[in-house]
């Protein structure tokens, strides 16, 4: 995460998406010694070897050892810490939306 100005959170997260974020945290913590600390929400692009691609919400974590490096980007959403790591080009995609989770769709943006 760079030291560029932080864009304020302009979305919310559904209870089902928060539950899945916690499951990801538990999985992370079971796999790595450097435990998950702050969830990070981004916009990403997946490109397969066959050329198919799509853009989507990306959810991951910054680890405990990264906290000092990303502390300037931590925001509070519904009483929970998150980092909203996006650029102005993708900022409006999130505006007024809810990040939802469904197993067949993974994380996605929906209207309120």
N, C-alpha and C. Protein backbone atom coordinates (compact mmCIF):
# COMPACT_ATOMS: atom_id res chain seq x y z
N UNK A 1 0.84 -1.17 0.00
CA UNK A 1 0.00 0.00 0.00
C UNK A 1 0.89 1.23 0.00
N UNK A 2 0.59 2.16 -0.88
CA UNK A 2 1.43 3.35 -1.00
C UNK A 2 1.00 4.41 0.02
N UNK A 3 1.72 5.51 0.03
CA UNK A 3 1.39 6.62 0.91
C UNK A 3 0.51 7.66 0.21
N UNK A 4 -0.12 7.28 -0.90
CA UNK A 4 -1.02 8.19 -1.60
C UNK A 4 -2.24 8.46 -0.72
N UNK A 5 -2.96 9.57 -0.99
CA UNK A 5 -4.16 9.87 -0.20
C UNK A 5 -5.13 8.68 -0.23
N UNK A 6 -5.76 8.46 0.90
CA UNK A 6 -6.69 7.35 1.05
C UNK A 6 -8.08 7.79 0.64
N UNK A 7 -8.73 7.00 -0.21
CA UNK A 7 -10.11 7.29 -0.59
C UNK A 7 -11.02 6.77 0.52
N UNK A 8 -11.99 7.58 0.94
CA UNK A 8 -12.86 7.13 2.04
C UNK A 8 -13.79 6.00 1.59
N UNK A 9 -14.10 5.13 2.53
CA UNK A 9 -15.03 4.04 2.27
C UNK A 9 -16.35 4.63 1.81
N UNK A 10 -16.89 4.13 0.72
CA UNK A 10 -18.15 4.63 0.17
C UNK A 10 -19.15 3.49 -0.06
N UNK A 11 -19.01 2.41 0.68
CA UNK A 11 -19.85 1.22 0.55
C UNK A 11 -20.09 0.65 1.92
N UNK A 12 -20.88 -0.40 1.98
CA UNK A 12 -21.06 -1.15 3.23
C UNK A 12 -20.83 -2.63 2.92
N UNK A 13 -20.87 -3.44 3.96
CA UNK A 13 -20.63 -4.88 3.81
C UNK A 13 -21.76 -5.62 4.50
N UNK A 14 -22.36 -6.57 3.80
CA UNK A 14 -23.48 -7.33 4.35
C UNK A 14 -23.02 -8.27 5.45
N UNK A 15 -23.93 -8.69 6.33
CA UNK A 15 -23.57 -9.65 7.37
C UNK A 15 -22.98 -10.96 6.79
N UNK A 16 -23.54 -11.46 5.70
CA UNK A 16 -23.01 -12.69 5.10
C UNK A 16 -21.58 -12.49 4.60
N UNK A 17 -21.29 -11.32 4.06
CA UNK A 17 -19.93 -11.04 3.59
C UNK A 17 -18.97 -10.92 4.77
N UNK A 18 -19.41 -10.28 5.88
CA UNK A 18 -18.56 -10.21 7.07
C UNK A 18 -18.27 -11.63 7.58
N UNK A 19 -19.28 -12.49 7.57
CA UNK A 19 -19.07 -13.88 8.01
C UNK A 19 -18.02 -14.58 7.16
N UNK A 20 -18.08 -14.37 5.85
CA UNK A 20 -17.10 -15.00 4.96
C UNK A 20 -15.71 -14.41 5.18
N UNK A 21 -15.63 -13.12 5.42
CA UNK A 21 -14.34 -12.49 5.72
C UNK A 21 -13.74 -13.14 6.96
N UNK A 22 -14.57 -13.41 7.96
CA UNK A 22 -14.07 -14.07 9.17
C UNK A 22 -13.61 -15.50 8.88
N UNK A 23 -14.30 -16.20 7.99
CA UNK A 23 -13.86 -17.56 7.60
C UNK A 23 -12.50 -17.49 6.89
N UNK A 24 -12.32 -16.48 6.05
CA UNK A 24 -11.02 -16.30 5.39
C UNK A 24 -9.95 -16.01 6.42
N UNK A 25 -10.27 -15.19 7.42
CA UNK A 25 -9.32 -14.90 8.50
C UNK A 25 -8.91 -16.20 9.20
N UNK A 26 -9.87 -17.03 9.53
CA UNK A 26 -9.58 -18.29 10.22
C UNK A 26 -8.70 -19.20 9.36
N UNK A 27 -9.00 -19.26 8.06
CA UNK A 27 -8.18 -20.08 7.16
C UNK A 27 -6.76 -19.53 7.11
N UNK A 28 -6.64 -18.21 6.91
CA UNK A 28 -5.32 -17.55 6.88
C UNK A 28 -4.53 -17.90 8.14
N UNK A 29 -5.18 -17.71 9.29
CA UNK A 29 -4.50 -17.94 10.56
C UNK A 29 -4.07 -19.40 10.74
N UNK A 30 -4.80 -20.31 10.12
CA UNK A 30 -4.44 -21.73 10.21
C UNK A 30 -3.27 -22.09 9.30
N UNK A 31 -2.97 -21.21 8.34
CA UNK A 31 -1.93 -21.50 7.35
C UNK A 31 -0.62 -20.74 7.58
N UNK A 32 -0.69 -19.59 8.26
CA UNK A 32 0.46 -18.71 8.37
C UNK A 32 0.75 -18.34 9.82
N UNK A 33 2.03 -18.21 10.15
CA UNK A 33 2.41 -17.76 11.48
C UNK A 33 2.10 -16.27 11.67
N UNK A 34 2.24 -15.48 10.60
CA UNK A 34 1.95 -14.05 10.64
C UNK A 34 0.44 -13.89 10.44
N UNK A 35 -0.28 -13.78 11.52
CA UNK A 35 -1.75 -13.82 11.52
C UNK A 35 -2.37 -12.67 10.74
N UNK A 36 -3.60 -12.90 10.29
CA UNK A 36 -4.39 -11.89 9.59
C UNK A 36 -4.73 -10.78 10.58
N UNK A 37 -4.65 -9.54 10.13
CA UNK A 37 -4.95 -8.41 11.00
C UNK A 37 -6.11 -7.60 10.45
N UNK A 38 -5.88 -6.85 9.39
CA UNK A 38 -6.89 -5.93 8.87
C UNK A 38 -7.34 -6.39 7.49
N UNK A 39 -8.66 -6.58 7.30
CA UNK A 39 -9.14 -6.94 5.97
C UNK A 39 -8.89 -5.80 4.99
N UNK A 40 -8.60 -6.17 3.77
CA UNK A 40 -8.41 -5.18 2.70
C UNK A 40 -9.41 -5.49 1.59
N UNK A 41 -10.09 -4.44 1.14
CA UNK A 41 -11.07 -4.53 0.06
C UNK A 41 -10.48 -3.80 -1.14
N UNK A 42 -10.47 -4.48 -2.28
CA UNK A 42 -9.90 -3.92 -3.51
C UNK A 42 -10.78 -4.28 -4.70
N UNK A 43 -10.39 -3.78 -5.85
CA UNK A 43 -10.98 -4.17 -7.13
C UNK A 43 -9.87 -4.82 -7.92
N UNK A 44 -10.12 -6.03 -8.43
CA UNK A 44 -9.07 -6.75 -9.13
C UNK A 44 -9.56 -7.34 -10.43
N UNK A 45 -8.61 -7.90 -11.15
CA UNK A 45 -8.92 -8.53 -12.45
C UNK A 45 -8.27 -9.91 -12.45
N UNK A 46 -9.06 -10.91 -12.79
CA UNK A 46 -8.56 -12.27 -12.94
C UNK A 46 -8.44 -12.55 -14.43
N UNK A 47 -7.29 -13.07 -14.83
CA UNK A 47 -7.05 -13.42 -16.23
C UNK A 47 -6.58 -14.87 -16.26
N UNK A 48 -7.33 -15.71 -16.96
CA UNK A 48 -6.98 -17.12 -17.08
C UNK A 48 -6.04 -17.34 -18.25
N UNK A 49 -5.35 -18.48 -18.26
CA UNK A 49 -4.43 -18.81 -19.35
C UNK A 49 -5.12 -18.84 -20.70
N UNK A 50 -6.41 -19.18 -20.73
CA UNK A 50 -7.13 -19.25 -22.01
C UNK A 50 -7.61 -17.87 -22.48
N UNK A 51 -7.29 -16.82 -21.74
CA UNK A 51 -7.63 -15.46 -22.15
C UNK A 51 -8.91 -14.92 -21.52
N UNK A 52 -9.72 -15.78 -20.92
CA UNK A 52 -10.93 -15.27 -20.26
C UNK A 52 -10.51 -14.41 -19.08
N UNK A 53 -11.28 -13.35 -18.85
CA UNK A 53 -10.96 -12.47 -17.73
C UNK A 53 -12.22 -11.80 -17.22
N UNK A 54 -12.15 -11.33 -15.98
CA UNK A 54 -13.24 -10.59 -15.40
C UNK A 54 -12.69 -9.75 -14.25
N UNK A 55 -13.43 -8.69 -13.94
CA UNK A 55 -13.07 -7.81 -12.82
C UNK A 55 -14.04 -8.08 -11.68
N UNK A 56 -13.57 -7.88 -10.46
CA UNK A 56 -14.40 -8.23 -9.31
C UNK A 56 -13.84 -7.65 -8.02
N UNK A 57 -14.66 -7.72 -6.97
CA UNK A 57 -14.23 -7.34 -5.62
C UNK A 57 -13.21 -8.37 -5.15
N UNK A 58 -12.15 -7.88 -4.52
CA UNK A 58 -11.12 -8.75 -3.94
C UNK A 58 -11.08 -8.48 -2.44
N UNK A 59 -11.09 -9.55 -1.67
CA UNK A 59 -11.00 -9.45 -0.21
C UNK A 59 -9.78 -10.25 0.23
N UNK A 60 -8.94 -9.63 1.01
CA UNK A 60 -7.78 -10.31 1.57
C UNK A 60 -7.46 -9.68 2.92
N UNK A 61 -6.24 -9.88 3.38
CA UNK A 61 -5.84 -9.32 4.67
C UNK A 61 -4.44 -8.77 4.58
N UNK A 62 -4.19 -7.75 5.39
CA UNK A 62 -2.84 -7.38 5.74
C UNK A 62 -2.54 -8.12 7.04
N UNK A 63 -1.34 -8.61 7.16
CA UNK A 63 -0.96 -9.39 8.34
C UNK A 63 -0.55 -8.48 9.49
N UNK A 64 -0.41 -9.08 10.65
CA UNK A 64 0.00 -8.35 11.85
C UNK A 64 1.32 -7.62 11.61
N UNK A 65 2.27 -8.27 10.94
CA UNK A 65 3.58 -7.64 10.72
C UNK A 65 3.50 -6.45 9.76
N UNK A 66 2.43 -6.33 8.99
CA UNK A 66 2.27 -5.23 8.04
C UNK A 66 1.53 -4.03 8.63
N UNK A 67 1.00 -4.17 9.82
CA UNK A 67 0.12 -3.14 10.39
C UNK A 67 0.76 -1.75 10.41
N UNK A 68 1.97 -1.65 10.84
CA UNK A 68 2.60 -0.32 10.90
C UNK A 68 2.69 0.30 9.51
N UNK A 69 2.98 -0.50 8.51
CA UNK A 69 3.12 0.00 7.14
C UNK A 69 1.79 0.50 6.57
N UNK A 70 0.68 -0.09 6.99
CA UNK A 70 -0.62 0.26 6.41
C UNK A 70 -1.51 1.05 7.38
N UNK A 71 -0.99 1.39 8.55
CA UNK A 71 -1.80 2.04 9.58
C UNK A 71 -2.49 3.31 9.08
N UNK A 72 -1.83 4.06 8.22
CA UNK A 72 -2.41 5.30 7.71
C UNK A 72 -3.66 5.06 6.86
N UNK A 73 -3.83 3.83 6.35
CA UNK A 73 -4.97 3.52 5.49
C UNK A 73 -6.12 2.83 6.17
N UNK A 74 -6.00 2.57 7.46
CA UNK A 74 -7.07 1.88 8.18
C UNK A 74 -8.25 2.83 8.39
N UNK A 75 -9.44 2.35 8.03
CA UNK A 75 -10.68 3.09 8.24
C UNK A 75 -11.62 2.20 9.06
N UNK A 76 -12.64 2.80 9.64
CA UNK A 76 -13.62 2.06 10.44
C UNK A 76 -14.92 2.00 9.64
N UNK A 77 -15.42 0.79 9.46
CA UNK A 77 -16.70 0.56 8.79
C UNK A 77 -17.54 -0.32 9.70
N UNK A 78 -18.66 0.22 10.15
CA UNK A 78 -19.55 -0.52 11.05
C UNK A 78 -18.81 -1.06 12.27
N UNK A 79 -17.91 -0.22 12.80
CA UNK A 79 -17.17 -0.59 14.00
C UNK A 79 -16.02 -1.54 13.78
N UNK A 80 -15.69 -1.84 12.53
CA UNK A 80 -14.59 -2.77 12.23
C UNK A 80 -13.54 -2.08 11.37
N UNK A 81 -12.30 -2.45 11.61
CA UNK A 81 -11.21 -1.91 10.81
C UNK A 81 -11.18 -2.57 9.43
N UNK A 82 -10.96 -1.74 8.42
CA UNK A 82 -10.69 -2.25 7.07
C UNK A 82 -9.73 -1.29 6.39
N UNK A 83 -9.13 -1.78 5.32
CA UNK A 83 -8.38 -0.93 4.40
C UNK A 83 -9.10 -1.01 3.07
N UNK A 84 -9.46 0.15 2.54
CA UNK A 84 -10.08 0.24 1.22
C UNK A 84 -8.96 0.63 0.28
N UNK A 85 -8.45 -0.33 -0.45
CA UNK A 85 -7.27 -0.14 -1.29
C UNK A 85 -7.70 -0.09 -2.75
N UNK A 86 -8.04 1.10 -3.20
CA UNK A 86 -8.44 1.25 -4.59
C UNK A 86 -7.87 2.56 -5.14
N UNK A 87 -8.04 2.73 -6.42
CA UNK A 87 -7.59 3.95 -7.10
C UNK A 87 -8.81 4.70 -7.60
N UNK A 88 -8.67 6.00 -7.88
CA UNK A 88 -9.82 6.78 -8.33
C UNK A 88 -10.58 6.15 -9.50
N UNK A 89 -9.89 5.48 -10.39
CA UNK A 89 -10.53 4.85 -11.56
C UNK A 89 -11.64 3.86 -11.15
N UNK A 90 -11.47 3.17 -10.03
CA UNK A 90 -12.44 2.16 -9.61
C UNK A 90 -13.31 2.61 -8.44
N UNK A 91 -13.05 3.77 -7.90
CA UNK A 91 -13.73 4.25 -6.70
C UNK A 91 -15.26 4.28 -6.88
N UNK A 92 -15.73 4.80 -7.99
CA UNK A 92 -17.17 4.93 -8.21
C UNK A 92 -17.89 3.59 -8.34
N UNK A 93 -17.17 2.53 -8.68
CA UNK A 93 -17.79 1.19 -8.73
C UNK A 93 -18.39 0.82 -7.38
N UNK A 94 -17.79 1.29 -6.30
CA UNK A 94 -18.20 0.94 -4.94
C UNK A 94 -19.26 1.89 -4.38
N UNK A 95 -19.41 3.07 -4.98
CA UNK A 95 -20.24 4.14 -4.40
C UNK A 95 -21.67 3.69 -4.12
N UNK A 96 -22.04 3.74 -2.84
CA UNK A 96 -23.41 3.43 -2.44
C UNK A 96 -23.78 1.96 -2.51
N UNK A 97 -22.82 1.09 -2.78
CA UNK A 97 -23.10 -0.33 -2.95
C UNK A 97 -22.89 -1.10 -1.65
N UNK A 98 -23.34 -2.34 -1.68
CA UNK A 98 -23.14 -3.27 -0.58
C UNK A 98 -22.29 -4.42 -1.12
N UNK A 99 -21.23 -4.75 -0.41
CA UNK A 99 -20.47 -5.95 -0.77
C UNK A 99 -21.22 -7.12 -0.15
N UNK A 100 -21.65 -8.01 -1.01
CA UNK A 100 -22.38 -9.20 -0.59
C UNK A 100 -21.53 -10.43 -0.87
N UNK A 101 -21.92 -11.53 -0.27
CA UNK A 101 -21.25 -12.80 -0.52
C UNK A 101 -22.30 -13.88 -0.73
N UNK A 102 -22.10 -14.65 -1.79
CA UNK A 102 -22.86 -15.87 -2.05
C UNK A 102 -21.86 -16.88 -2.59
N UNK A 103 -21.91 -18.12 -2.11
CA UNK A 103 -20.89 -19.10 -2.52
C UNK A 103 -20.72 -19.22 -4.04
N UNK A 104 -21.82 -19.14 -4.79
CA UNK A 104 -21.71 -19.28 -6.25
C UNK A 104 -21.24 -18.02 -6.95
N UNK A 105 -21.28 -16.89 -6.26
CA UNK A 105 -20.85 -15.61 -6.85
C UNK A 105 -19.61 -15.05 -6.18
N UNK A 106 -19.22 -15.58 -5.03
CA UNK A 106 -18.15 -15.08 -4.20
C UNK A 106 -18.52 -13.69 -3.70
N UNK A 107 -17.59 -12.74 -3.64
CA UNK A 107 -17.92 -11.38 -3.22
C UNK A 107 -18.33 -10.57 -4.44
N UNK A 108 -19.37 -9.76 -4.28
CA UNK A 108 -19.82 -8.93 -5.40
C UNK A 108 -20.49 -7.67 -4.87
N UNK A 109 -20.58 -6.68 -5.74
CA UNK A 109 -21.24 -5.41 -5.38
C UNK A 109 -22.70 -5.47 -5.79
N UNK A 110 -23.56 -5.00 -4.90
CA UNK A 110 -25.00 -4.98 -5.18
C UNK A 110 -25.56 -3.63 -4.75
N UNK A 111 -26.66 -3.26 -5.36
CA UNK A 111 -27.34 -2.03 -4.94
C UNK A 111 -27.97 -2.25 -3.58
N UNK A 112 -28.12 -1.16 -2.86
CA UNK A 112 -28.76 -1.24 -1.53
C UNK A 112 -30.14 -1.79 -1.60
